[in-house]
PDB file of N, CA and C in Angstrom:
ATOM      1  N   MET A   1      24.611  17.143 -10.954  1.00  0.00           N
ATOM      2  CA  MET A   1      25.152  17.203  -9.375  1.00  0.00           C
ATOM      3  C   MET A   1      24.260  16.218  -8.606  1.00  0.00           C
ATOM      4  N   THR A   2      25.071  15.712  -7.630  1.00  0.00           N
ATOM      5  CA  THR A   2      24.285  14.771  -6.968  1.00  0.00           C
ATOM      6  C   THR A   2      23.763  15.856  -5.848  1.00  0.00           C
ATOM      7  N   THR A   3      22.535  15.271  -5.171  1.00  0.00           N
ATOM      8  CA  THR A   3      21.998  15.926  -4.244  1.00  0.00           C
ATOM      9  C   THR A   3      22.155  14.939  -2.590  1.00  0.00           C
ATOM     10  N   ALA A   4      21.784  15.466  -1.849  1.00  0.00           N
ATOM     11  CA  ALA A   4      22.256  14.755  -0.376  1.00  0.00           C
ATOM     12  C   ALA A   4      21.235  13.903  -0.615  1.00  0.00           C
ATOM     13  N   THR A   5      19.794  14.012  -0.742  1.00  0.00           N
ATOM     14  CA  THR A   5      19.440  12.750  -0.463  1.00  0.00           C
ATOM     15  C   THR A   5      19.868  11.826  -1.374  1.00  0.00           C
ATOM     16  N   GLU A   6      19.834  11.798  -2.872  1.00  0.00           N
ATOM     17  CA  GLU A   6      21.037  10.918  -3.360  1.00  0.00           C
ATOM     18  C   GLU A   6      22.226  10.222  -3.094  1.00  0.00           C
ATOM     19  N   THR A   7      23.068  11.230  -2.022  1.00  0.00           N
ATOM     20  CA  THR A   7      24.052  10.919  -1.464  1.00  0.00           C
ATOM     21  C   THR A   7      23.777   9.910  -0.300  1.00  0.00           C
ATOM     22  N   PHE A   8      22.758  10.272   0.115  1.00  0.00           N
ATOM     23  CA  PHE A   8      22.816   9.040   1.405  1.00  0.00           C
ATOM     24  C   PHE A   8      21.706   7.914   1.058  1.00  0.00           C
ATOM     25  N   PHE A   9      21.125   7.871   0.024  1.00  0.00           N
ATOM     26  CA  PHE A   9      20.909   6.443  -0.238  1.00  0.00           C
ATOM     27  C   PHE A   9      21.941   5.408  -0.763  1.00  0.00           C
ATOM     28  N   GLU A  10      22.810   6.401  -1.804  1.00  0.00           N
ATOM     29  CA  GLU A  10      23.923   5.625  -2.047  1.00  0.00           C
ATOM     30  C   GLU A  10      24.887   5.076  -1.260  1.00  0.00           C
ATOM     31  N   GLU A  11      25.342   6.197  -0.423  1.00  0.00           N
ATOM     32  CA  GLU A  11      26.056   5.502   0.744  1.00  0.00           C
ATOM     33  C   GLU A  11      25.997   5.542   1.918  1.00  0.00           C
ATOM     34  N   PHE A  12      24.582   5.129   2.644  1.00  0.00           N
ATOM     35  CA  PHE A  12      24.392   5.116   3.879  1.00  0.00           C
ATOM     36  C   PHE A  12      24.565   3.000   3.885  1.00  0.00           C
ATOM     37  N   PRO A  13      23.933   2.613   3.048  1.00  0.00           N
ATOM     38  CA  PRO A  13      23.952   0.777   2.931  1.00  0.00           C
ATOM     39  C   PRO A  13      25.266   0.731   3.353  1.00  0.00           C
ATOM     40  N   ALA A  14      26.423   1.191   2.777  1.00  0.00           N
ATOM     41  CA  ALA A  14      28.286   0.920   2.981  1.00  0.00           C
ATOM     42  C   ALA A  14      28.418   1.281   4.442  1.00  0.00           C
ATOM     43  N   SER A  15      28.176   2.892   4.898  1.00  0.00           N
ATOM     44  CA  SER A  15      28.210   3.341   6.206  1.00  0.00           C
ATOM     45  C   SER A  15      27.691   2.451   7.458  1.00  0.00           C
ATOM     46  N   MET A  16      26.188   1.598   6.901  1.00  0.00           N
ATOM     47  CA  MET A  16      26.079   0.363   7.965  1.00  0.00           C
ATOM     48  C   MET A  16      27.026  -0.756   8.018  1.00  0.00           C
ATOM     49  N   GLU A  17      27.377  -1.044   6.905  1.00  0.00           N
ATOM     50  CA  GLU A  17      27.960  -2.202   6.574  1.00  0.00           C
ATOM     51  C   GLU A  17      29.370  -2.049   7.844  1.00  0.00           C
ATOM     52  N   ASN A  18      30.313  -0.647   7.730  1.00  0.00           N
ATOM     53  CA  ASN A  18      31.120  -0.380   8.890  1.00  0.00           C
ATOM     54  C   ASN A  18      30.431  -0.505  10.126  1.00  0.00           C
ATOM     55  N   VAL A  19      29.686  -0.273  10.355  1.00  0.00           N
ATOM     56  CA  VAL A  19      28.992  -0.304  11.707  1.00  0.00           C
ATOM     57  C   VAL A  19      28.930  -1.728  11.870  1.00  0.00           C
ATOM     58  N   LYS A  20      28.375  -2.572  11.123  1.00  0.00           N
ATOM     59  CA  LYS A  20      27.955  -3.820  11.458  1.00  0.00           C
ATOM     60  C   LYS A  20      29.255  -4.632  11.868  1.00  0.00           C
ATOM     61  N   SER A  21      30.276  -4.401  11.042  1.00  0.00           N
ATOM     62  CA  SER A  21      31.516  -4.802  11.159  1.00  0.00           C
ATOM     63  C   SER A  21      32.388  -4.363  12.619  1.00  0.00           C
ATOM     64  N   GLU A  22      32.033  -3.340  12.866  1.00  0.00           N
ATOM     65  CA  GLU A  22      32.910  -2.701  14.014  1.00  0.00           C
ATOM     66  C   GLU A  22      31.981  -2.714  15.562  1.00  0.00           C
ATOM     67  N   MET A  23      30.594  -2.858  15.595  1.00  0.00           N
ATOM     68  CA  MET A  23      29.843  -2.604  16.551  1.00  0.00           C
ATOM     69  C   MET A  23      28.736  -3.894  16.654  1.00  0.00           C
ATOM     70  N   PRO A  24      28.901  -5.175  16.062  1.00  0.00           N
ATOM     71  CA  PRO A  24      28.079  -6.401  15.525  1.00  0.00           C
ATOM     72  C   PRO A  24      27.181  -6.166  16.629  1.00  0.00           C
ATOM     73  N   ASP A  25      27.271  -6.264  18.168  1.00  0.00           N
ATOM     74  CA  ASP A  25      26.774  -6.493  19.298  1.00  0.00           C
ATOM     75  C   ASP A  25      25.445  -5.203  19.297  1.00  0.00           C
ATOM     76  N   VAL A  26      25.779  -3.838  19.117  1.00  0.00           N
ATOM     77  CA  VAL A  26      24.831  -3.048  19.032  1.00  0.00           C
ATOM     78  C   VAL A  26      24.267  -3.247  17.778  1.00  0.00           C
ATOM     79  N   VAL A  27      24.681  -3.924  16.762  1.00  0.00           N
ATOM     80  CA  VAL A  27      23.707  -3.736  15.410  1.00  0.00           C
ATOM     81  C   VAL A  27      22.608  -5.194  16.172  1.00  0.00           C
ATOM     82  N   ARG A  28      23.370  -6.238  16.503  1.00  0.00           N
ATOM     83  CA  ARG A  28      22.537  -7.286  16.701  1.00  0.00           C
ATOM     84  C   ARG A  28      20.693  -7.176  17.363  1.00  0.00           C
ATOM     85  N   ALA A  29      21.559  -6.243  18.551  1.00  0.00           N
ATOM     86  CA  ALA A  29      20.568  -5.897  19.908  1.00  0.00           C
ATOM     87  C   ALA A  29      19.575  -4.818  18.714  1.00  0.00           C
ATOM     88  N   PHE A  30      20.171  -3.872  18.013  1.00  0.00           N
ATOM     89  CA  PHE A  30      18.731  -2.961  17.733  1.00  0.00           C
ATOM     90  C   PHE A  30      18.323  -3.445  16.573  1.00  0.00           C
ATOM     91  N   GLY A  31      18.876  -4.460  15.803  1.00  0.00           N
ATOM     92  CA  GLY A  31      18.218  -5.038  14.570  1.00  0.00           C
ATOM     93  C   GLY A  31      17.231  -6.144  15.282  1.00  0.00           C
ATOM     94  N   GLY A  32      17.365  -6.906  16.421  1.00  0.00           N
ATOM     95  CA  GLY A  32      16.483  -7.821  16.966  1.00  0.00           C
ATOM     96  C   GLY A  32      15.103  -6.605  17.697  1.00  0.00           C
ATOM     97  N   MET A  33      15.497  -6.080  18.309  1.00  0.00           N
ATOM     98  CA  MET A  33      13.993  -4.823  18.719  1.00  0.00           C
ATOM     99  C   MET A  33      13.502  -4.421  17.227  1.00  0.00           C
ATOM    100  N   PHE A  34      13.970  -3.988  16.201  1.00  0.00           N
ATOM    101  CA  PHE A  34      13.592  -3.217  15.653  1.00  0.00           C
ATOM    102  C   PHE A  34      12.612  -4.711  14.613  1.00  0.00           C
ATOM    103  N   GLN A  35      13.168  -5.711  14.550  1.00  0.00           N
ATOM    104  CA  GLN A  35      12.636  -7.039  13.642  1.00  0.00           C
ATOM    105  C   GLN A  35      11.147  -6.891  14.848  1.00  0.00           C
ATOM    106  N   ALA A  36      11.274  -7.206  16.225  1.00  0.00           N
ATOM    107  CA  ALA A  36       9.849  -7.713  17.159  1.00  0.00           C
ATOM    108  C   ALA A  36       8.990  -6.506  16.417  1.00  0.00           C
ATOM    109  N   ILE A  37       9.209  -5.235  16.707  1.00  0.00           N
ATOM    110  CA  ILE A  37       8.385  -4.344  16.917  1.00  0.00           C
ATOM    111  C   ILE A  37       7.712  -4.287  16.027  1.00  0.00           C
ATOM    112  N   MET A  38       8.517  -3.860  14.823  1.00  0.00           N
ATOM    113  CA  MET A  38       8.125  -3.352  13.299  1.00  0.00           C
ATOM    114  C   MET A  38       7.054  -4.254  12.821  1.00  0.00           C
ATOM    115  N   LYS A  39       7.074  -5.639  13.468  1.00  0.00           N
ATOM    116  CA  LYS A  39       6.390  -6.365  12.400  1.00  0.00           C
ATOM    117  C   LYS A  39       5.064  -6.147  12.049  1.00  0.00           C
ATOM    118  N   GLN A  40       3.977  -6.979  11.401  1.00  0.00           N
ATOM    119  CA  GLN A  40       2.515  -6.902  11.842  1.00  0.00           C
ATOM    120  C   GLN A  40       2.182  -7.396  12.623  1.00  0.00           C
ATOM    121  N   GLY A  41       1.083  -6.324  13.291  1.00  0.00           N
ATOM    122  CA  GLY A  41       0.616  -6.574  14.839  1.00  0.00           C
ATOM    123  C   GLY A  41      -0.752  -6.263  14.881  1.00  0.00           C
ATOM    124  N   ALA A  42      -1.089  -5.532  16.240  1.00  0.00           N
ATOM    125  CA  ALA A  42      -2.438  -4.943  16.154  1.00  0.00           C
ATOM    126  C   ALA A  42      -2.269  -3.589  15.196  1.00  0.00           C
ATOM    127  N   LEU A  43      -0.921  -3.244  14.629  1.00  0.00           N
ATOM    128  CA  LEU A  43      -0.806  -2.157  13.865  1.00  0.00           C
ATOM    129  C   LEU A  43      -0.216  -2.881  12.885  1.00  0.00           C
ATOM    130  N   SER A  44      -0.690  -2.382  11.539  1.00  0.00           N
ATOM    131  CA  SER A  44       0.068  -3.072  10.244  1.00  0.00           C
ATOM    132  C   SER A  44       1.550  -2.133  10.122  1.00  0.00           C
ATOM    133  N   VAL A  45       2.612  -2.664   9.506  1.00  0.00           N
ATOM    134  CA  VAL A  45       3.795  -2.265   9.189  1.00  0.00           C
ATOM    135  C   VAL A  45       3.506  -0.976   8.744  1.00  0.00           C
ATOM    136  N   ARG A  46       2.789  -0.729   7.903  1.00  0.00           N
ATOM    137  CA  ARG A  46       2.602   0.563   6.922  1.00  0.00           C
ATOM    138  C   ARG A  46       2.284   1.682   7.996  1.00  0.00           C
ATOM    139  N   GLU A  47       1.495   1.285   8.874  1.00  0.00           N
ATOM    140  CA  GLU A  47       0.980   1.957  10.468  1.00  0.00           C
ATOM    141  C   GLU A  47       2.061   2.698  11.227  1.00  0.00           C
ATOM    142  N   LYS A  48       2.920   1.433  11.400  1.00  0.00           N
ATOM    143  CA  LYS A  48       4.231   1.840  12.662  1.00  0.00           C
ATOM    144  C   LYS A  48       5.252   2.341  11.400  1.00  0.00           C
ATOM    145  N   GLU A  49       5.248   2.188  10.003  1.00  0.00           N
ATOM    146  CA  GLU A  49       6.090   3.031   9.332  1.00  0.00           C
ATOM    147  C   GLU A  49       5.970   4.244   9.644  1.00  0.00           C
ATOM    148  N   LEU A  50       4.633   4.718   9.063  1.00  0.00           N
ATOM    149  CA  LEU A  50       4.044   6.040   9.146  1.00  0.00           C
ATOM    150  C   LEU A  50       4.397   7.226  10.372  1.00  0.00           C
ATOM    151  N   ILE A  51       3.841   6.256  11.382  1.00  0.00           N
ATOM    152  CA  ILE A  51       4.764   6.344  12.995  1.00  0.00           C
ATOM    153  C   ILE A  51       5.727   6.929  12.800  1.00  0.00           C
ATOM    154  N   ALA A  52       6.730   6.290  12.643  1.00  0.00           N
ATOM    155  CA  ALA A  52       8.112   6.146  12.802  1.00  0.00           C
ATOM    156  C   ALA A  52       8.860   7.211  11.913  1.00  0.00           C
ATOM    157  N   LEU A  53       8.130   7.374  10.689  1.00  0.00           N
ATOM    158  CA  LEU A  53       8.788   8.620  10.142  1.00  0.00           C
ATOM    159  C   LEU A  53       7.955   9.951  10.625  1.00  0.00           C
ATOM    160  N   GLY A  54       6.939   9.914  11.375  1.00  0.00           N
ATOM    161  CA  GLY A  54       6.447  11.300  11.849  1.00  0.00           C
ATOM    162  C   GLY A  54       7.383  11.496  13.302  1.00  0.00           C
ATOM    163  N   ILE A  55       7.769  10.469  13.549  1.00  0.00           N
ATOM    164  CA  ILE A  55       8.813  10.800  14.845  1.00  0.00           C
ATOM    165  C   ILE A  55       9.936  11.238  14.355  1.00  0.00           C
ATOM    166  N   GLY A  56      10.497  10.738  13.343  1.00  0.00           N
ATOM    167  CA  GLY A  56      11.746  11.077  12.442  1.00  0.00           C
ATOM    168  C   GLY A  56      12.148  12.598  12.079  1.00  0.00           C
ATOM    169  N   LEU A  57      11.133  12.665  11.578  1.00  0.00           N
ATOM    170  CA  LEU A  57      10.452  14.396  11.432  1.00  0.00           C
ATOM    171  C   LEU A  57      10.616  15.290  12.659  1.00  0.00           C
ATOM    172  N   ALA A  58       9.974  14.365  13.645  1.00  0.00           N
ATOM    173  CA  ALA A  58       9.857  15.624  14.945  1.00  0.00           C
ATOM    174  C   ALA A  58      11.141  15.807  15.690  1.00  0.00           C
ATOM    175  N   VAL A  59      11.902  15.036  15.564  1.00  0.00           N
ATOM    176  CA  VAL A  59      13.091  15.127  16.295  1.00  0.00           C
ATOM    177  C   VAL A  59      14.074  15.386  15.046  1.00  0.00           C
ATOM    178  N   ARG A  60      13.705  15.426  14.016  1.00  0.00           N
ATOM    179  CA  ARG A  60      14.703  16.311  12.619  1.00  0.00           C
ATOM    180  C   ARG A  60      15.802  15.050  13.039  1.00  0.00           C
ATOM    181  N   CYS A  61      15.882  14.158  12.375  1.00  0.00           N
ATOM    182  CA  CYS A  61      16.546  13.253  12.011  1.00  0.00           C
ATOM    183  C   CYS A  61      16.651  12.882  10.625  1.00  0.00           C
ATOM    184  N   VAL A  62      17.130  13.697   9.525  1.00  0.00           N
ATOM    185  CA  VAL A  62      16.859  13.313   8.465  1.00  0.00           C
ATOM    186  C   VAL A  62      17.421  11.977   7.879  1.00  0.00           C
ATOM    187  N   SER A  63      18.437  11.222   8.050  1.00  0.00           N
ATOM    188  CA  SER A  63      18.335   9.762   7.972  1.00  0.00           C
ATOM    189  C   SER A  63      16.911   9.184   8.207  1.00  0.00           C
ATOM    190  N   CYS A  64      16.678   9.338   9.359  1.00  0.00           N
ATOM    191  CA  CYS A  64      15.331   8.677   9.912  1.00  0.00           C
ATOM    192  C   CYS A  64      14.384   9.098   8.743  1.00  0.00           C
ATOM    193  N   ILE A  65      14.161  10.261   8.651  1.00  0.00           N
ATOM    194  CA  ILE A  65      13.472  10.412   7.426  1.00  0.00           C
ATOM    195  C   ILE A  65      13.288   9.823   6.411  1.00  0.00           C
ATOM    196  N   ASN A  66      14.502   9.535   5.668  1.00  0.00           N
ATOM    197  CA  ASN A  66      15.035   8.928   4.673  1.00  0.00           C
ATOM    198  C   ASN A  66      14.631   7.754   4.347  1.00  0.00           C
ATOM    199  N   MET A  67      14.798   7.194   5.448  1.00  0.00           N
ATOM    200  CA  MET A  67      14.547   5.884   5.956  1.00  0.00           C
ATOM    201  C   MET A  67      13.376   4.974   5.718  1.00  0.00           C
ATOM    202  N   HIS A  68      12.644   5.989   6.494  1.00  0.00           N
ATOM    203  CA  HIS A  68      11.129   5.575   7.024  1.00  0.00           C
ATOM    204  C   HIS A  68      10.258   6.059   5.953  1.00  0.00           C
ATOM    205  N   VAL A  69      10.534   6.974   5.063  1.00  0.00           N
ATOM    206  CA  VAL A  69       9.823   7.587   3.990  1.00  0.00           C
ATOM    207  C   VAL A  69       9.794   6.113   2.881  1.00  0.00           C
ATOM    208  N   GLU A  70      11.263   5.720   2.706  1.00  0.00           N
ATOM    209  CA  GLU A  70      11.475   4.217   1.739  1.00  0.00           C
ATOM    210  C   GLU A  70      10.723   3.357   2.522  1.00  0.00           C
ATOM    211  N   LYS A  71      10.870   2.980   3.421  1.00  0.00           N
ATOM    212  CA  LYS A  71      10.163   1.787   4.830  1.00  0.00           C
ATOM    213  C   LYS A  71       8.597   1.883   4.133  1.00  0.00           C
ATOM    214  N   CYS A  72       8.192   3.482   4.370  1.00  0.00           N
ATOM    215  CA  CYS A  72       6.556   3.524   4.165  1.00  0.00           C
ATOM    216  C   CYS A  72       6.406   3.334   2.545  1.00  0.00           C
ATOM    217  N   LEU A  73       6.619   3.378   1.603  1.00  0.00           N
ATOM    218  CA  LEU A  73       6.551   3.031   0.631  1.00  0.00           C
ATOM    219  C   LEU A  73       6.941   1.845   0.076  1.00  0.00           C
ATOM    220  N   LYS A  74       7.780   0.932   0.724  1.00  0.00           N
ATOM    221  CA  LYS A  74       7.773  -0.733   0.859  1.00  0.00           C
ATOM    222  C   LYS A  74       6.446  -1.259   1.550  1.00  0.00           C
ATOM    223  N   ALA A  75       5.937  -0.698   2.584  1.00  0.00           N
ATOM    224  CA  ALA A  75       4.544  -0.926   3.203  1.00  0.00           C
ATOM    225  C   ALA A  75       3.600  -1.166   2.668  1.00  0.00           C
ATOM    226  N   GLY A  76       3.521  -0.169   1.034  1.00  0.00           N
ATOM    227  CA  GLY A  76       2.498   0.025   0.653  1.00  0.00           C
ATOM    228  C   GLY A  76       1.432   1.435   0.860  1.00  0.00           C
ATOM    229  N   ALA A  77       2.533   2.322   1.590  1.00  0.00           N
ATOM    230  CA  ALA A  77       2.184   3.525   1.399  1.00  0.00           C
ATOM    231  C   ALA A  77       2.220   4.581   0.317  1.00  0.00           C
ATOM    232  N   THR A  78       1.214   4.979   0.348  1.00  0.00           N
ATOM    233  CA  THR A  78       0.857   6.323  -0.501  1.00  0.00           C
ATOM    234  C   THR A  78       1.748   7.223  -0.633  1.00  0.00           C
ATOM    235  N   ARG A  79       2.293   8.257  -1.729  1.00  0.00           N
ATOM    236  CA  ARG A  79       2.382   9.335  -1.403  1.00  0.00           C
ATOM    237  C   ARG A  79       1.689  10.045  -0.450  1.00  0.00           C
ATOM    238  N   GLU A  80       0.197  10.096  -0.594  1.00  0.00           N
ATOM    239  CA  GLU A  80      -0.536  10.803   0.049  1.00  0.00           C
ATOM    240  C   GLU A  80      -0.435  10.841   1.433  1.00  0.00           C
ATOM    241  N   GLN A  81      -0.553   9.641   1.617  1.00  0.00           N
ATOM    242  CA  GLN A  81      -0.281   9.034   3.218  1.00  0.00           C
ATOM    243  C   GLN A  81       1.001   9.398   3.752  1.00  0.00           C
ATOM    244  N   ILE A  82       1.919   9.014   3.184  1.00  0.00           N
ATOM    245  CA  ILE A  82       3.048   9.860   3.568  1.00  0.00           C
ATOM    246  C   ILE A  82       3.146  11.354   3.577  1.00  0.00           C
ATOM    247  N   LEU A  83       2.802  12.139   3.013  1.00  0.00           N
ATOM    248  CA  LEU A  83       2.763  13.243   3.244  1.00  0.00           C
ATOM    249  C   LEU A  83       1.400  13.726   4.581  1.00  0.00           C
ATOM    250  N   GLU A  84       0.436  13.261   4.261  1.00  0.00           N
ATOM    251  CA  GLU A  84      -0.550  13.544   5.422  1.00  0.00           C
ATOM    252  C   GLU A  84       0.030  13.272   6.968  1.00  0.00           C
ATOM    253  N   ALA A  85       0.957  11.992   6.702  1.00  0.00           N
ATOM    254  CA  ALA A  85       1.520  11.622   8.159  1.00  0.00           C
ATOM    255  C   ALA A  85       2.563  12.768   8.319  1.00  0.00           C
ATOM    256  N   ALA A  86       3.101  13.228   7.510  1.00  0.00           N
ATOM    257  CA  ALA A  86       4.317  14.494   8.031  1.00  0.00           C
ATOM    258  C   ALA A  86       3.227  15.644   8.578  1.00  0.00           C
ATOM    259  N   GLY A  87       2.344  15.877   7.817  1.00  0.00           N
ATOM    260  CA  GLY A  87       1.492  17.237   8.163  1.00  0.00           C
ATOM    261  C   GLY A  87       1.101  16.697   9.602  1.00  0.00           C
ATOM    262  N   VAL A  88       0.719  16.049  10.137  1.00  0.00           N
ATOM    263  CA  VAL A  88       0.320  15.392  11.385  1.00  0.00           C
ATOM    264  C   VAL A  88       1.677  15.943  12.243  1.00  0.00           C
ATOM    265  N   ALA A  89       3.044  15.584  12.192  1.00  0.00           N
ATOM    266  CA  ALA A  89       4.275  15.789  12.573  1.00  0.00           C
ATOM    267  C   ALA A  89       4.471  16.982  12.993  1.00  0.00           C
ATOM    268  N   VAL A  90       4.104  17.975  11.783  1.00  0.00           N
ATOM    269  CA  VAL A  90       4.182  19.479  11.748  1.00  0.00           C
ATOM    270  C   VAL A  90       2.714  20.182  13.004  1.00  0.00           C
ATOM    271  N   VAL A  91       1.925  19.531  12.675  1.00  0.00           N
ATOM    272  CA  VAL A  91       0.769  19.882  14.117  1.00  0.00           C
ATOM    273  C   VAL A  91       1.336  19.695  15.549  1.00  0.00           C
ATOM    274  N   MET A  92       1.813  18.251  15.852  1.00  0.00           N
ATOM    275  CA  MET A  92       2.514  17.708  16.957  1.00  0.00           C
ATOM    276  C   MET A  92       3.880  18.304  17.548  1.00  0.00           C
ATOM    277  N   GLN A  93       5.040  18.804  16.337  1.00  0.00           N
ATOM    278  CA  GLN A  93       6.144  19.328  16.403  1.00  0.00           C
ATOM    279  C   GLN A  93       6.107  20.825  16.244  1.00  0.00           C
ATOM    280  N   GLY A  94       5.344  21.571  15.648  1.00  0.00           N
ATOM    281  CA  GLY A  94       5.581  22.799  15.019  1.00  0.00           C
ATOM    282  C   GLY A  94       6.426  23.086  13.810  1.00  0.00           C
ATOM    283  N   GLY A  95       7.233  24.133  14.238  1.00  0.00           N
ATOM    284  CA  GLY A  95       8.132  24.335  12.987  1.00  0.00           C
ATOM    285  C   GLY A  95       9.251  24.060  12.667  1.00  0.00           C
ATOM    286  N   PRO A  96      10.070  23.768  13.713  1.00  0.00           N
ATOM    287  CA  PRO A  96      11.226  22.690  13.516  1.00  0.00           C
ATOM    288  C   PRO A  96      11.115  21.226  12.313  1.00  0.00           C
ATOM    289  N   THR A  97       9.801  20.702  12.223  1.00  0.00           N
ATOM    290  CA  THR A  97       9.513  19.734  12.053  1.00  0.00           C
ATOM    291  C   THR A  97       8.903  20.302  10.417  1.00  0.00           C
ATOM    292  N   TYR A  98       8.265  21.248  10.379  1.00  0.00           N
ATOM    293  CA  TYR A  98       7.916  22.285   9.170  1.00  0.00           C
ATOM    294  C   TYR A  98       8.778  22.119   7.934  1.00  0.00           C
ATOM    295  N   THR A  99      10.035  22.901   8.722  1.00  0.00           N
ATOM    296  CA  THR A  99      11.198  23.163   8.050  1.00  0.00           C
ATOM    297  C   THR A  99      11.952  21.828   7.726  1.00  0.00           C
ATOM    298  N   HIS A 100      11.605  20.956   8.085  1.00  0.00           N
ATOM    299  CA  HIS A 100      11.459  19.502   7.731  1.00  0.00           C
ATOM    300  C   HIS A 100      11.079  18.527   6.407  1.00  0.00           C
ATOM    301  N   LEU A 101       9.726  19.210   6.090  1.00  0.00           N
ATOM    302  CA  LEU A 101       8.719  18.743   5.242  1.00  0.00           C
ATOM    303  C   LEU A 101      10.033  17.939   3.853  1.00  0.00           C
ATOM    304  N   PRO A 102      10.695  19.456   3.010  1.00  0.00           N
ATOM    305  CA  PRO A 102      11.426  19.352   1.873  1.00  0.00           C
ATOM    306  C   PRO A 102      12.173  17.980   2.190  1.00  0.00           C
ATOM    307  N   GLU A 103      12.146  17.425   3.093  1.00  0.00           N
ATOM    308  CA  GLU A 103      13.546  16.291   3.038  1.00  0.00           C
ATOM    309  C   GLU A 103      12.128  14.836   2.800  1.00  0.00           C
ATOM    310  N   VAL A 104      11.046  15.269   3.064  1.00  0.00           N
ATOM    311  CA  VAL A 104      10.234  13.855   2.831  1.00  0.00           C
ATOM    312  C   VAL A 104      10.198  13.844   1.159  1.00  0.00           C
ATOM    313  N   ILE A 105       9.751  14.840   0.556  1.00  0.00           N
ATOM    314  CA  ILE A 105       9.485  15.268  -0.661  1.00  0.00           C
ATOM    315  C   ILE A 105      10.663  14.754  -1.275  1.00  0.00           C
ATOM    316  N   LYS A 106      12.061  15.413  -1.220  1.00  0.00           N
ATOM    317  CA  LYS A 106      13.266  14.517  -1.445  1.00  0.00           C
ATOM    318  C   LYS A 106      12.927  13.273  -1.673  1.00  0.00           C
ATOM    319  N   ALA A 107      12.681  12.948  -0.397  1.00  0.00           N
ATOM    320  CA  ALA A 107      13.084  11.638  -0.406  1.00  0.00           C
ATOM    321  C   ALA A 107      11.835  10.489  -1.668  1.00  0.00           C
ATOM    322  N   LEU A 108      10.583  11.131  -1.599  1.00  0.00           N
ATOM    323  CA  LEU A 108       9.750  10.654  -2.090  1.00  0.00           C
ATOM    324  C   LEU A 108       9.985  10.975  -3.258  1.00  0.00           C
ATOM    325  N   ASP A 109      10.309  11.732  -4.082  1.00  0.00           N
ATOM    326  CA  ASP A 109      10.845  11.933  -5.234  1.00  0.00           C
ATOM    327  C   ASP A 109      12.218  11.055  -6.022  1.00  0.00           C
ATOM    328  N   TYR A 110      13.056  11.093  -5.007  1.00  0.00           N
ATOM    329  CA  TYR A 110      14.060  10.156  -4.916  1.00  0.00           C
ATOM    330  C   TYR A 110      13.545   8.915  -5.636  1.00  0.00           C
ATOM    331  N   LEU A 111      12.551   8.183  -4.232  1.00  0.00           N
ATOM    332  CA  LEU A 111      12.387   6.892  -4.451  1.00  0.00           C
ATOM    333  C   LEU A 111      10.947   6.633  -5.523  1.00  0.00           C
ATOM    334  N   LYS A 112      10.691   7.598  -6.007  1.00  0.00           N
ATOM    335  CA  LYS A 112       9.664   7.976  -6.973  1.00  0.00           C
ATOM    336  C   LYS A 112       8.327   7.182  -6.726  1.00  0.00           C
ATOM    337  N   GLY A 113       8.340   7.756  -5.156  1.00  0.00           N
ATOM    338  CA  GLY A 113       7.192   7.589  -4.320  1.00  0.00           C
ATOM    339  C   GLY A 113       5.873   8.474  -4.883  1.00  0.00           C
TER     340      GLY A 113
END
């Protein structure tokens, strides 16, 4: 049986290719902003990705949670750091964020993080 997390990681890249072809100006603008902001600076890429994950949790965006767990791992964050950042999001946002913690664990497990 395929889980929602597996389906996300299998289908998201193709769905974003459709967005690129249908909305190139939006993709270019967002991509440029993302690249400019999420590069190494006073904060490391890892720190920025952990922040982005916390915000994704706070706004309850499952796609954001999945993508930023993956980006956190690629930026060198450990499972423990990711889970700790998720805990900080719960402190700041409360119950609605708490209910999305399983999404973090599912993404970590899927990505072997």
